[in-house]
Amino acid sequence: MGESRDRIRVLFFGIIAEKVGAKELYYEGVADTEALRKRVAESLPGLEKLSYRISVNREMVSETLQLKEGDEVAFLPPFAGG
């Protein structure tokens, strides 16, 4: 609670972490995954050119999902294998 509500932990993996230059950042004031995508892309130029998936609290998401304080969002590069 308090003024730092909506603090979201964002993790980056693989090539994304390399491009971002960090494995973990925090963002505040993002209501959902789409707003977070936009905020991350604004602060990290070049991210929009990379292919990635998003997971929230270790579950893959394909639709826009509401976020709340304490959520953990991961930007995951494509997985190799078969």
Protein backbone atom coordinates (compact mmCIF):
# COMPACT_ATOMS: atom_id res chain seq x y z
CA MET A 1 0.00 0.00 0.00
CA GLY A 2 1.03 3.61 0.01
CA GLU A 3 2.41 5.68 -2.83
CA SER A 4 4.58 2.95 -4.32
CA ARG A 5 1.61 0.77 -5.20
CA ASP A 6 1.68 -0.88 -8.58
CA ARG A 7 5.40 -1.65 -8.29
CA ILE A 8 6.06 -4.43 -10.79
CA ARG A 9 9.24 -6.50 -10.92
CA VAL A 10 10.30 -7.07 -14.53
CA LEU A 11 12.80 -9.78 -15.44
CA PHE A 12 14.66 -10.08 -18.75
CA PHE A 13 16.25 -13.26 -20.11
CA GLY A 14 18.65 -14.26 -22.89
CA ILE A 15 19.17 -11.86 -25.77
CA ILE A 16 16.63 -9.48 -24.26
CA ALA A 17 18.69 -9.10 -21.07
CA GLU A 18 21.77 -8.48 -23.23
CA LYS A 19 20.03 -5.76 -25.25
CA VAL A 20 18.49 -4.17 -22.16
CA GLY A 21 21.72 -4.34 -20.20
CA ALA A 22 19.91 -5.61 -17.11
CA LYS A 23 18.27 -8.77 -15.86
CA GLU A 24 15.81 -6.99 -13.59
CA LEU A 25 14.08 -3.61 -13.44
CA TYR A 26 11.11 -2.20 -11.54
CA TYR A 27 8.24 -0.19 -12.99
CA GLU A 28 5.42 1.65 -11.25
CA GLY A 29 2.08 2.91 -12.42
CA VAL A 30 1.36 0.32 -15.12
CA ALA A 31 -2.16 -1.07 -15.06
CA ASP A 32 -1.73 -4.06 -17.36
CA THR A 33 0.68 -6.02 -19.53
CA GLU A 34 0.01 -3.88 -22.61
CA ALA A 35 0.83 -0.68 -20.72
CA LEU A 36 3.97 -2.37 -19.39
CA ARG A 37 5.05 -3.42 -22.90
CA LYS A 38 4.71 0.18 -24.05
CA ARG A 39 6.57 1.59 -21.04
CA VAL A 40 9.42 -0.88 -21.39
CA ALA A 41 9.69 -0.21 -25.15
CA GLU A 42 9.83 3.55 -24.50
CA SER A 43 12.61 3.22 -21.95
CA LEU A 44 14.56 0.51 -23.81
CA PRO A 45 14.94 1.43 -27.50
CA GLY A 46 15.28 -1.54 -29.83
CA LEU A 47 13.12 -3.88 -27.75
CA GLU A 48 10.29 -3.62 -30.27
CA LYS A 49 12.55 -5.28 -32.85
CA LEU A 50 13.00 -8.39 -30.71
CA SER A 51 10.67 -11.36 -30.56
CA TYR A 52 9.55 -12.23 -27.05
CA ARG A 53 6.77 -13.66 -24.90
CA ILE A 54 5.58 -12.41 -21.54
CA SER A 55 4.87 -14.37 -18.40
CA VAL A 56 3.18 -13.04 -15.28
CA ASN A 57 4.01 -14.77 -12.03
CA ARG A 58 5.62 -17.60 -14.03
CA GLU A 59 2.56 -18.24 -16.23
CA MET A 60 2.67 -17.44 -19.94
CA VAL A 61 0.09 -14.88 -21.05
CA SER A 62 -1.13 -14.09 -24.53
CA GLU A 63 -3.84 -11.57 -23.69
CA THR A 64 -3.69 -8.29 -21.82
CA LEU A 65 -3.69 -9.01 -18.10
CA GLN A 66 -4.25 -6.61 -15.20
CA LEU A 67 -1.18 -6.15 -13.01
CA LYS A 68 -0.99 -5.52 -9.29
CA GLU A 69 1.74 -4.63 -6.82
CA GLY A 70 4.18 -7.45 -6.34
CA ASP A 71 3.57 -9.12 -9.70
CA GLU A 72 6.61 -10.53 -11.47
CA VAL A 73 6.64 -10.10 -15.23
CA ALA A 74 9.25 -11.81 -17.41
CA PHE A 75 10.21 -10.94 -20.98
CA LEU A 76 11.26 -14.24 -22.52
CA PRO A 77 13.07 -14.76 -25.85
CA PRO A 78 11.92 -17.53 -28.19
CA PHE A 79 12.85 -20.96 -26.94
CA ALA A 80 14.93 -23.28 -29.11
CA GLY A 81 14.37 -26.98 -29.28
CA GLY A 82 11.73 -29.31 -30.44
